[in-house]
Amino acid sequence: IEKYPELNGEARGRGLMQGIAVEKEGLASEICAEAFNRGLIVETS
């Protein structure tokens, strides 16, 4: 969140149930889609 201020990110959750809320519409989905291409399975919420 600090390194990429463009995210306008907010840390959420606790334990191993956490997330980054991002302000720009569609950005979280784009990040998750690219993560899949690179070998990471992660979803949006």
All heavy atoms as atom14 arrays in JSON, in Angstrom:
{
  "sequence": "IEKYPELNGEARGRGLMQGIAVEKEGLASEICAEAFNRGLIVETS",
  "atom14_mask": [
    [1, 1, 1, 1, 1, 1, 1, 1, 0, 0, 0, 0, 0, 0],
    [1, 1, 1, 1, 1, 1, 1, 1, 1, 0, 0, 0, 0, 0],
    [1, 1, 1, 1, 1, 1, 1, 1, 1, 0, 0, 0, 0, 0],
    [1, 1, 1, 1, 1, 1, 1, 1, 1, 1, 1, 1, 0, 0],
    [1, 1, 1, 1, 1, 1, 1, 0, 0, 0, 0, 0, 0, 0],
    [1, 1, 1, 1, 1, 1, 1, 1, 1, 0, 0, 0, 0, 0],
    [1, 1, 1, 1, 1, 1, 1, 1, 0, 0, 0, 0, 0, 0],
    [1, 1, 1, 1, 1, 1, 1, 1, 0, 0, 0, 0, 0, 0],
    [1, 1, 1, 1, 0, 0, 0, 0, 0, 0, 0, 0, 0, 0],
    [1, 1, 1, 1, 1, 1, 1, 1, 1, 0, 0, 0, 0, 0],
    [1, 1, 1, 1, 1, 0, 0, 0, 0, 0, 0, 0, 0, 0],
    [1, 1, 1, 1, 1, 1, 1, 1, 1, 1, 1, 0, 0, 0],
    [1, 1, 1, 1, 0, 0, 0, 0, 0, 0, 0, 0, 0, 0],
    [1, 1, 1, 1, 1, 1, 1, 1, 1, 1, 1, 0, 0, 0],
    [1, 1, 1, 1, 0, 0, 0, 0, 0, 0, 0, 0, 0, 0],
    [1, 1, 1, 1, 1, 1, 1, 1, 0, 0, 0, 0, 0, 0],
    [1, 1, 1, 1, 1, 1, 1, 1, 0, 0, 0, 0, 0, 0],
    [1, 1, 1, 1, 1, 1, 1, 1, 1, 0, 0, 0, 0, 0],
    [1, 1, 1, 1, 0, 0, 0, 0, 0, 0, 0, 0, 0, 0],
    [1, 1, 1, 1, 1, 1, 1, 1, 0, 0, 0, 0, 0, 0],
    [1, 1, 1, 1, 1, 0, 0, 0, 0, 0, 0, 0, 0, 0],
    [1, 1, 1, 1, 1, 1, 1, 0, 0, 0, 0, 0, 0, 0],
    [1, 1, 1, 1, 1, 1, 1, 1, 1, 0, 0, 0, 0, 0],
    [1, 1, 1, 1, 1, 1, 1, 1, 1, 0, 0, 0, 0, 0],
    [1, 1, 1, 1, 1, 1, 1, 1, 1, 0, 0, 0, 0, 0],
    [1, 1, 1, 1, 0, 0, 0, 0, 0, 0, 0, 0, 0, 0],
    [1, 1, 1, 1, 1, 1, 1, 1, 0, 0, 0, 0, 0, 0],
    [1, 1, 1, 1, 1, 0, 0, 0, 0, 0, 0, 0, 0, 0],
    [1, 1, 1, 1, 1, 1, 0, 0, 0, 0, 0, 0, 0, 0],
    [1, 1, 1, 1, 1, 1, 1, 1, 1, 0, 0, 0, 0, 0],
    [1, 1, 1, 1, 1, 1, 1, 1, 0, 0, 0, 0, 0, 0],
    [1, 1, 1, 1, 1, 1, 0, 0, 0, 0, 0, 0, 0, 0],
    [1, 1, 1, 1, 1, 0, 0, 0, 0, 0, 0, 0, 0, 0],
    [1, 1, 1, 1, 1, 1, 1, 1, 1, 0, 0, 0, 0, 0],
    [1, 1, 1, 1, 1, 0, 0, 0, 0, 0, 0, 0, 0, 0],
    [1, 1, 1, 1, 1, 1, 1, 1, 1, 1, 1, 0, 0, 0],
    [1, 1, 1, 1, 1, 1, 1, 1, 0, 0, 0, 0, 0, 0],
    [1, 1, 1, 1, 1, 1, 1, 1, 1, 1, 1, 0, 0, 0],
    [1, 1, 1, 1, 0, 0, 0, 0, 0, 0, 0, 0, 0, 0],
    [1, 1, 1, 1, 1, 1, 1, 1, 0, 0, 0, 0, 0, 0],
    [1, 1, 1, 1, 1, 1, 1, 1, 0, 0, 0, 0, 0, 0],
    [1, 1, 1, 1, 1, 1, 1, 0, 0, 0, 0, 0, 0, 0],
    [1, 1, 1, 1, 1, 1, 1, 1, 1, 0, 0, 0, 0, 0],
    [1, 1, 1, 1, 1, 1, 1, 0, 0, 0, 0, 0, 0, 0],
    [1, 1, 1, 1, 1, 1, 0, 0, 0, 0, 0, 0, 0, 0]
  ],
  "atom14_positions": [
    [[0.83, -1.2, 0.0], [0.0, 0.0, 0.0], [0.87, 1.26, 0.0], [0.59, 2.24, -0.71], [-0.95, -0.02, 1.21], [-2.03, -1.1, 1.03], [-1.6, 1.35, 1.43], [-2.88, -1.34, 2.26], [0.0, 0.0, 0.0], [0.0, 0.0, 0.0], [0.0, 0.0, 0.0], [0.0, 0.0, 0.0], [0.0, 0.0, 0.0], [0.0, 0.0, 0.0]],
    [[1.94, 1.2, 0.79], [2.85, 2.36, 0.86], [3.66, 2.5, -0.42], [3.89, 3.62, -0.91], [3.78, 2.18, 2.06], [4.73, 3.36, 2.26], [5.62, 3.19, 3.48], [5.39, 2.26, 4.27], [6.56, 4.0, 3.63], [0.0, 0.0, 0.0], [0.0, 0.0, 0.0], [0.0, 0.0, 0.0], [0.0, 0.0, 0.0], [0.0, 0.0, 0.0]],
    [[4.09, 1.39, -0.98], [4.96, 1.4, -2.16], [4.21, 1.8, -3.43], [4.79, 2.38, -4.35], [5.58, 0.01, -2.34], [6.74, -0.05, -3.32], [7.4, -1.41, -3.25], [8.58, -1.52, -4.23], [9.23, -2.85, -4.14], [0.0, 0.0, 0.0], [0.0, 0.0, 0.0], [0.0, 0.0, 0.0], [0.0, 0.0, 0.0], [0.0, 0.0, 0.0]],
    [[2.92, 1.49, -3.47], [2.12, 1.77, -4.67], [0.92, 2.63, -4.29], [-0.21, 2.14, -4.19], [1.68, 0.47, -5.34], [2.85, -0.41, -5.72], [3.23, -1.48, -4.92], [3.6, -0.13, -6.87], [4.34, -2.26, -5.25], [4.7, -0.91, -7.21], [5.06, -1.96, -6.39], [6.17, -2.72, -6.72], [0.0, 0.0, 0.0], [0.0, 0.0, 0.0]],
    [[1.15, 3.94, -4.07], [0.06, 4.83, -3.65], [-1.07, 4.93, -4.68], [-2.19, 5.31, -4.33], [0.76, 6.19, -3.47], [2.04, 6.08, -4.26], [2.43, 4.65, -4.19], [0.0, 0.0, 0.0], [0.0, 0.0, 0.0], [0.0, 0.0, 0.0], [0.0, 0.0, 0.0], [0.0, 0.0, 0.0], [0.0, 0.0, 0.0], [0.0, 0.0, 0.0]],
    [[-0.78, 4.55, -5.93], [-1.82, 4.58, -6.97], [-2.98, 3.63, -6.64], [-4.1, 3.78, -7.16], [-1.24, 4.18, -8.33], [-0.09, 5.06, -8.81], [1.27, 4.48, -8.44], [1.4, 3.88, -7.35], [2.19, 4.61, -9.25], [0.0, 0.0, 0.0], [0.0, 0.0, 0.0], [0.0, 0.0, 0.0], [0.0, 0.0, 0.0], [0.0, 0.0, 0.0]],
    [[-2.72, 2.66, -5.79], [-3.78, 1.72, -5.39], [-4.84, 2.39, -4.53], [-5.98, 1.93, -4.49], [-3.18, 0.54, -4.62], [-2.26, -0.42, -5.36], [-1.65, -1.42, -4.38], [-3.0, -1.15, -6.47], [0.0, 0.0, 0.0], [0.0, 0.0, 0.0], [0.0, 0.0, 0.0], [0.0, 0.0, 0.0], [0.0, 0.0, 0.0], [0.0, 0.0, 0.0]],
    [[-4.44, 3.47, -3.83], [-5.32, 4.03, -2.8], [-5.8, 2.88, -1.91], [-6.99, 2.74, -1.62], [-6.52, 4.76, -3.42], [-6.11, 6.06, -4.09], [-5.37, 6.83, -3.51], [-6.56, 6.26, -5.31], [0.0, 0.0, 0.0], [0.0, 0.0, 0.0], [0.0, 0.0, 0.0], [0.0, 0.0, 0.0], [0.0, 0.0, 0.0], [0.0, 0.0, 0.0]],
    [[-4.85, 2.07, -1.5], [-5.17, 0.82, -0.83], [-5.52, 0.94, 0.64], [-5.1, 1.88, 1.32], [0.0, 0.0, 0.0], [0.0, 0.0, 0.0], [0.0, 0.0, 0.0], [0.0, 0.0, 0.0], [0.0, 0.0, 0.0], [0.0, 0.0, 0.0], [0.0, 0.0, 0.0], [0.0, 0.0, 0.0], [0.0, 0.0, 0.0], [0.0, 0.0, 0.0]],
    [[-6.32, -0.02, 1.1], [-6.69, -0.13, 2.51], [-6.52, -1.57, 2.95], [-7.02, -2.49, 2.3], [-8.14, 0.31, 2.71], [-8.63, 0.16, 4.15], [-10.13, 0.36, 4.29], [-10.79, 0.74, 3.31], [-10.66, 0.09, 5.39], [0.0, 0.0, 0.0], [0.0, 0.0, 0.0], [0.0, 0.0, 0.0], [0.0, 0.0, 0.0], [0.0, 0.0, 0.0]],
    [[-5.78, -1.78, 4.03], [-5.57, -3.12, 4.56], [-6.8, -3.56, 5.34], [-7.34, -2.79, 6.14], [-4.34, -3.15, 5.46], [0.0, 0.0, 0.0], [0.0, 0.0, 0.0], [0.0, 0.0, 0.0], [0.0, 0.0, 0.0], [0.0, 0.0, 0.0], [0.0, 0.0, 0.0], [0.0, 0.0, 0.0], [0.0, 0.0, 0.0], [0.0, 0.0, 0.0]],
    [[-7.22, -4.8, 5.11], [-8.4, -5.32, 5.8], [-8.15, -6.74, 6.3], [-7.31, -7.46, 5.76], [-9.61, -5.32, 4.86], [-10.09, -3.93, 4.47], [-11.35, -4.0, 3.66], [-11.84, -2.7, 3.23], [-12.88, -2.52, 2.44], [-13.57, -3.57, 2.0], [-13.26, -1.31, 2.1], [0.0, 0.0, 0.0], [0.0, 0.0, 0.0], [0.0, 0.0, 0.0]],
    [[-8.96, -7.14, 7.3], [-8.97, -8.52, 7.76], [-8.02, -8.78, 8.91], [-7.39, -7.88, 9.47], [0.0, 0.0, 0.0], [0.0, 0.0, 0.0], [0.0, 0.0, 0.0], [0.0, 0.0, 0.0], [0.0, 0.0, 0.0], [0.0, 0.0, 0.0], [0.0, 0.0, 0.0], [0.0, 0.0, 0.0], [0.0, 0.0, 0.0], [0.0, 0.0, 0.0]],
    [[-7.91, -10.07, 9.26], [-6.98, -10.51, 10.29], [-6.61, -11.97, 10.08], [-7.28, -12.7, 9.36], [-7.54, -10.26, 11.7], [-8.88, -10.89, 12.01], [-9.42, -10.36, 13.35], [-10.75, -10.85, 13.65], [-11.02, -11.9, 14.41], [-10.03, -12.59, 14.97], [-12.27, -12.27, 14.64], [0.0, 0.0, 0.0], [0.0, 0.0, 0.0], [0.0, 0.0, 0.0]],
    [[-5.52, -12.39, 10.74], [-5.03, -13.76, 10.57], [-4.62, -14.01, 9.13], [-3.97, -13.17, 8.5], [0.0, 0.0, 0.0], [0.0, 0.0, 0.0], [0.0, 0.0, 0.0], [0.0, 0.0, 0.0], [0.0, 0.0, 0.0], [0.0, 0.0, 0.0], [0.0, 0.0, 0.0], [0.0, 0.0, 0.0], [0.0, 0.0, 0.0], [0.0, 0.0, 0.0]],
    [[-5.02, -15.15, 8.6], [-4.76, -15.45, 7.19], [-6.05, -15.29, 6.38], [-6.36, -16.06, 5.48], [-4.18, -16.86, 7.03], [-2.7, -16.97, 7.43], [-2.2, -18.4, 7.28], [-1.83, -16.02, 6.61], [0.0, 0.0, 0.0], [0.0, 0.0, 0.0], [0.0, 0.0, 0.0], [0.0, 0.0, 0.0], [0.0, 0.0, 0.0], [0.0, 0.0, 0.0]],
    [[-6.79, -14.24, 6.75], [-7.99, -13.82, 6.03], [-7.89, -12.3, 5.89], [-8.48, -11.54, 6.66], [-9.24, -14.22, 6.82], [-10.55, -13.99, 6.09], [-11.94, -14.58, 7.11], [-13.31, -14.32, 5.98], [0.0, 0.0, 0.0], [0.0, 0.0, 0.0], [0.0, 0.0, 0.0], [0.0, 0.0, 0.0], [0.0, 0.0, 0.0], [0.0, 0.0, 0.0]],
    [[-7.09, -11.88, 4.91], [-6.82, -10.47, 4.75], [-7.02, -10.05, 3.3], [-7.24, -10.88, 2.41], [-5.39, -10.15, 5.2], [-5.14, -10.43, 6.67], [-3.83, -9.87, 7.17], [-3.5, -8.71, 6.95], [-3.07, -10.71, 7.87], [0.0, 0.0, 0.0], [0.0, 0.0, 0.0], [0.0, 0.0, 0.0], [0.0, 0.0, 0.0], [0.0, 0.0, 0.0]],
    [[-6.93, -8.74, 3.06], [-7.11, -8.24, 1.71], [-6.65, -6.81, 1.57], [-6.38, -6.12, 2.56], [0.0, 0.0, 0.0], [0.0, 0.0, 0.0], [0.0, 0.0, 0.0], [0.0, 0.0, 0.0], [0.0, 0.0, 0.0], [0.0, 0.0, 0.0], [0.0, 0.0, 0.0], [0.0, 0.0, 0.0], [0.0, 0.0, 0.0], [0.0, 0.0, 0.0]],
    [[-6.55, -6.37, 0.32], [-6.26, -4.98, -0.01], [-7.45, -4.43, -0.78], [-7.75, -4.9, -1.88], [-4.99, -4.84, -0.88], [-3.78, -5.52, -0.23], [-4.69, -3.36, -1.16], [-2.54, -5.51, -1.1], [0.0, 0.0, 0.0], [0.0, 0.0, 0.0], [0.0, 0.0, 0.0], [0.0, 0.0, 0.0], [0.0, 0.0, 0.0], [0.0, 0.0, 0.0]],
    [[-8.13, -3.45, -0.2], [-9.21, -2.77, -0.91], [-8.59, -1.67, -1.76], [-7.79, -0.88, -1.27], [-10.2, -2.18, 0.08], [0.0, 0.0, 0.0], [0.0, 0.0, 0.0], [0.0, 0.0, 0.0], [0.0, 0.0, 0.0], [0.0, 0.0, 0.0], [0.0, 0.0, 0.0], [0.0, 0.0, 0.0], [0.0, 0.0, 0.0], [0.0, 0.0, 0.0]],
    [[-8.94, -1.63, -3.04], [-8.4, -0.61, -3.95], [-9.55, 0.24, -4.48], [-10.66, -0.25, -4.69], [-7.59, -1.23, -5.1], [-6.38, -1.98, -4.56], [-8.44, -2.18, -5.93], [0.0, 0.0, 0.0], [0.0, 0.0, 0.0], [0.0, 0.0, 0.0], [0.0, 0.0, 0.0], [0.0, 0.0, 0.0], [0.0, 0.0, 0.0], [0.0, 0.0, 0.0]],
    [[-9.26, 1.51, -4.7], [-10.32, 2.46, -5.01], [-10.8, 2.4, -6.45], [-11.99, 2.48, -6.72], [-9.83, 3.87, -4.67], [-10.93, 4.91, -4.59], [-10.42, 6.21, -4.0], [-10.39, 6.32, -2.77], [-10.06, 7.09, -4.8], [0.0, 0.0, 0.0], [0.0, 0.0, 0.0], [0.0, 0.0, 0.0], [0.0, 0.0, 0.0], [0.0, 0.0, 0.0]],
    [[-9.88, 2.26, -7.4], [-10.24, 2.35, -8.82], [-11.08, 1.15, -9.25], [-10.73, 0.0, -8.99], [-8.98, 2.44, -9.67], [-9.26, 2.6, -11.16], [-7.97, 2.66, -11.96], [-8.26, 2.71, -13.45], [-7.01, 2.69, -14.25], [0.0, 0.0, 0.0], [0.0, 0.0, 0.0], [0.0, 0.0, 0.0], [0.0, 0.0, 0.0], [0.0, 0.0, 0.0]],
    [[-12.18, 1.42, -9.92], [-13.08, 0.36, -10.37], [-12.37, -0.6, -11.33], [-11.71, -0.18, -12.28], [-14.29, 0.96, -11.07], [-15.33, -0.06, -11.49], [-16.55, 0.57, -12.15], [-16.66, 1.81, -12.12], [-17.38, -0.19, -12.67], [0.0, 0.0, 0.0], [0.0, 0.0, 0.0], [0.0, 0.0, 0.0], [0.0, 0.0, 0.0], [0.0, 0.0, 0.0]],
    [[-12.48, -1.89, -11.06], [-11.92, -2.91, -11.93], [-10.46, -3.23, -11.69], [-9.94, -4.21, -12.23], [0.0, 0.0, 0.0], [0.0, 0.0, 0.0], [0.0, 0.0, 0.0], [0.0, 0.0, 0.0], [0.0, 0.0, 0.0], [0.0, 0.0, 0.0], [0.0, 0.0, 0.0], [0.0, 0.0, 0.0], [0.0, 0.0, 0.0], [0.0, 0.0, 0.0]],
    [[-9.79, -2.43, -10.87], [-8.34, -2.61, -10.68], [-8.02, -3.92, -9.95], [-7.09, -4.64, -10.32], [-7.76, -1.43, -9.92], [-6.24, -1.43, -9.7], [-5.49, -1.54, -11.02], [-5.8, -0.18, -8.94], [0.0, 0.0, 0.0], [0.0, 0.0, 0.0], [0.0, 0.0, 0.0], [0.0, 0.0, 0.0], [0.0, 0.0, 0.0], [0.0, 0.0, 0.0]],
    [[-8.8, -4.25, -8.93], [-8.54, -5.49, -8.19], [-8.7, -6.7, -9.11], [-7.89, -7.64, -9.04], [-9.5, -5.61, -7.0], [0.0, 0.0, 0.0], [0.0, 0.0, 0.0], [0.0, 0.0, 0.0], [0.0, 0.0, 0.0], [0.0, 0.0, 0.0], [0.0, 0.0, 0.0], [0.0, 0.0, 0.0], [0.0, 0.0, 0.0], [0.0, 0.0, 0.0]],
    [[-9.7, -6.68, -9.97], [-9.9, -7.79, -10.91], [-8.74, -7.9, -11.9], [-8.3, -9.01, -12.23], [-11.21, -7.6, -11.67], [-12.32, -7.67, -10.79], [0.0, 0.0, 0.0], [0.0, 0.0, 0.0], [0.0, 0.0, 0.0], [0.0, 0.0, 0.0], [0.0, 0.0, 0.0], [0.0, 0.0, 0.0], [0.0, 0.0, 0.0], [0.0, 0.0, 0.0]],
    [[-8.23, -6.76, -12.36], [-7.09, -6.77, -13.28], [-5.85, -7.37, -12.59], [-5.11, -8.14, -13.2], [-6.77, -5.35, -13.74], [-7.79, -4.76, -14.69], [-7.39, -3.35, -15.12], [-6.21, -3.16, -15.5], [-8.24, -2.45, -15.07], [0.0, 0.0, 0.0], [0.0, 0.0, 0.0], [0.0, 0.0, 0.0], [0.0, 0.0, 0.0], [0.0, 0.0, 0.0]],
    [[-5.64, -7.0, -11.34], [-4.49, -7.51, -10.6], [-4.59, -9.03, -10.43], [-3.62, -9.77, -10.64], [-4.37, -6.81, -9.23], [-4.0, -5.35, -9.42], [-3.35, -7.52, -8.33], [-4.13, -4.5, -8.16], [0.0, 0.0, 0.0], [0.0, 0.0, 0.0], [0.0, 0.0, 0.0], [0.0, 0.0, 0.0], [0.0, 0.0, 0.0], [0.0, 0.0, 0.0]],
    [[-5.78, -9.51, -10.08], [-5.98, -10.96, -9.88], [-5.82, -11.73, -11.19], [-5.29, -12.84, -11.2], [-7.34, -11.22, -9.25], [-7.47, -10.67, -7.53], [0.0, 0.0, 0.0], [0.0, 0.0, 0.0], [0.0, 0.0, 0.0], [0.0, 0.0, 0.0], [0.0, 0.0, 0.0], [0.0, 0.0, 0.0], [0.0, 0.0, 0.0], [0.0, 0.0, 0.0]],
    [[-6.28, -11.14, -12.3], [-6.13, -11.8, -13.6], [-4.67, -11.9, -13.99], [-4.22, -12.94, -14.5], [-6.91, -11.02, -14.66], [0.0, 0.0, 0.0], [0.0, 0.0, 0.0], [0.0, 0.0, 0.0], [0.0, 0.0, 0.0], [0.0, 0.0, 0.0], [0.0, 0.0, 0.0], [0.0, 0.0, 0.0], [0.0, 0.0, 0.0], [0.0, 0.0, 0.0]],
    [[-3.91, -10.85, -13.75], [-2.49, -10.89, -14.08], [-1.74, -11.85, -13.15], [-0.81, -12.54, -13.57], [-1.89, -9.48, -13.98], [-0.41, -9.4, -14.33], [-0.06, -9.91, -15.73], [-0.93, -9.82, -16.63], [1.07, -10.4, -15.91], [0.0, 0.0, 0.0], [0.0, 0.0, 0.0], [0.0, 0.0, 0.0], [0.0, 0.0, 0.0], [0.0, 0.0, 0.0]],
    [[-2.18, -11.91, -11.89], [-1.56, -12.84, -10.95], [-1.74, -14.28, -11.43], [-0.8, -15.1, -11.34], [-2.18, -12.67, -9.57], [0.0, 0.0, 0.0], [0.0, 0.0, 0.0], [0.0, 0.0, 0.0], [0.0, 0.0, 0.0], [0.0, 0.0, 0.0], [0.0, 0.0, 0.0], [0.0, 0.0, 0.0], [0.0, 0.0, 0.0], [0.0, 0.0, 0.0]],
    [[-2.91, -14.6, -11.95], [-3.13, -15.94, -12.51], [-2.15, -16.23, -13.64], [-1.57, -17.32, -13.71], [-4.56, -16.06, -13.01], [-4.82, -17.3, -13.82], [-4.95, -18.54, -13.2], [-4.88, -17.25, -15.21], [-5.14, -19.7, -13.94], [-5.08, -18.4, -15.96], [-5.22, -19.63, -15.33], [0.0, 0.0, 0.0], [0.0, 0.0, 0.0], [0.0, 0.0, 0.0]],
    [[-1.95, -15.27, -14.52], [-1.0, -15.45, -15.64], [0.4, -15.76, -15.13], [1.16, -16.47, -15.79], [-0.96, -14.2, -16.52], [-2.27, -13.96, -17.25], [-3.04, -14.9, -17.49], [-2.55, -12.71, -17.58], [0.0, 0.0, 0.0], [0.0, 0.0, 0.0], [0.0, 0.0, 0.0], [0.0, 0.0, 0.0], [0.0, 0.0, 0.0], [0.0, 0.0, 0.0]],
    [[0.73, -15.23, -13.96], [2.07, -15.39, -13.41], [2.2, -16.59, -12.46], [3.28, -16.85, -11.94], [2.5, -14.11, -12.69], [2.65, -12.92, -13.65], [2.88, -11.62, -12.9], [2.97, -10.51, -13.84], [4.11, -10.06, -14.38], [5.27, -10.61, -14.05], [4.09, -9.05, -15.23], [0.0, 0.0, 0.0], [0.0, 0.0, 0.0], [0.0, 0.0, 0.0]],
    [[1.06, -17.27, -12.19], [1.13, -18.47, -11.36], [0.67, -18.29, -9.93], [1.12, -19.01, -9.04], [0.0, 0.0, 0.0], [0.0, 0.0, 0.0], [0.0, 0.0, 0.0], [0.0, 0.0, 0.0], [0.0, 0.0, 0.0], [0.0, 0.0, 0.0], [0.0, 0.0, 0.0], [0.0, 0.0, 0.0], [0.0, 0.0, 0.0], [0.0, 0.0, 0.0]],
    [[-0.25, -17.36, -9.7], [-0.82, -17.17, -8.37], [-2.33, -17.19, -8.47], [-2.93, -16.46, -9.26], [-0.36, -15.82, -7.79], [-0.95, -15.44, -6.42], [-0.43, -16.37, -5.32], [-0.64, -13.98, -6.08], [0.0, 0.0, 0.0], [0.0, 0.0, 0.0], [0.0, 0.0, 0.0], [0.0, 0.0, 0.0], [0.0, 0.0, 0.0], [0.0, 0.0, 0.0]],
    [[-2.96, -18.03, -7.66], [-4.41, -18.1, -7.59], [-4.88, -17.21, -6.46], [-4.64, -17.48, -5.28], [-4.9, -19.55, -7.35], [-4.36, -20.49, -8.42], [-6.42, -19.6, -7.29], [-4.9, -20.24, -9.8], [0.0, 0.0, 0.0], [0.0, 0.0, 0.0], [0.0, 0.0, 0.0], [0.0, 0.0, 0.0], [0.0, 0.0, 0.0], [0.0, 0.0, 0.0]],
    [[-5.55, -16.1, -6.82], [-6.06, -15.17, -5.82], [-7.34, -14.55, -6.39], [-7.43, -14.31, -7.6], [-5.0, -14.09, -5.47], [-4.62, -13.25, -6.68], [-5.45, -13.21, -4.31], [0.0, 0.0, 0.0], [0.0, 0.0, 0.0], [0.0, 0.0, 0.0], [0.0, 0.0, 0.0], [0.0, 0.0, 0.0], [0.0, 0.0, 0.0], [0.0, 0.0, 0.0]],
    [[-8.32, -14.33, -5.54], [-9.61, -13.83, -6.03], [-9.94, -12.46, -5.45], [-9.27, -11.96, -4.54], [-10.74, -14.82, -5.69], [-11.11, -14.88, -4.23], [-12.46, -15.55, -3.99], [-13.3, -15.59, -4.91], [-12.67, -16.02, -2.86], [0.0, 0.0, 0.0], [0.0, 0.0, 0.0], [0.0, 0.0, 0.0], [0.0, 0.0, 0.0], [0.0, 0.0, 0.0]],
    [[-11.02, -11.88, -5.98], [-11.51, -10.61, -5.47], [-12.65, -10.85, -4.48], [-13.21, -11.94, -4.39], [-12.03, -9.71, -6.61], [-13.09, -10.4, -7.3], [-10.92, -9.35, -7.57], [0.0, 0.0, 0.0], [0.0, 0.0, 0.0], [0.0, 0.0, 0.0], [0.0, 0.0, 0.0], [0.0, 0.0, 0.0], [0.0, 0.0, 0.0], [0.0, 0.0, 0.0]],
    [[-12.98, -9.79, -3.76], [-14.07, -9.83, -2.78], [-14.69, -8.45, -2.72], [-14.15, -7.48, -3.25], [-13.51, -10.24, -1.41], [-14.5, -10.18, -0.41], [0.0, 0.0, 0.0], [0.0, 0.0, 0.0], [0.0, 0.0, 0.0], [0.0, 0.0, 0.0], [0.0, 0.0, 0.0], [0.0, 0.0, 0.0], [0.0, 0.0, 0.0], [0.0, 0.0, 0.0]]
  ]
}
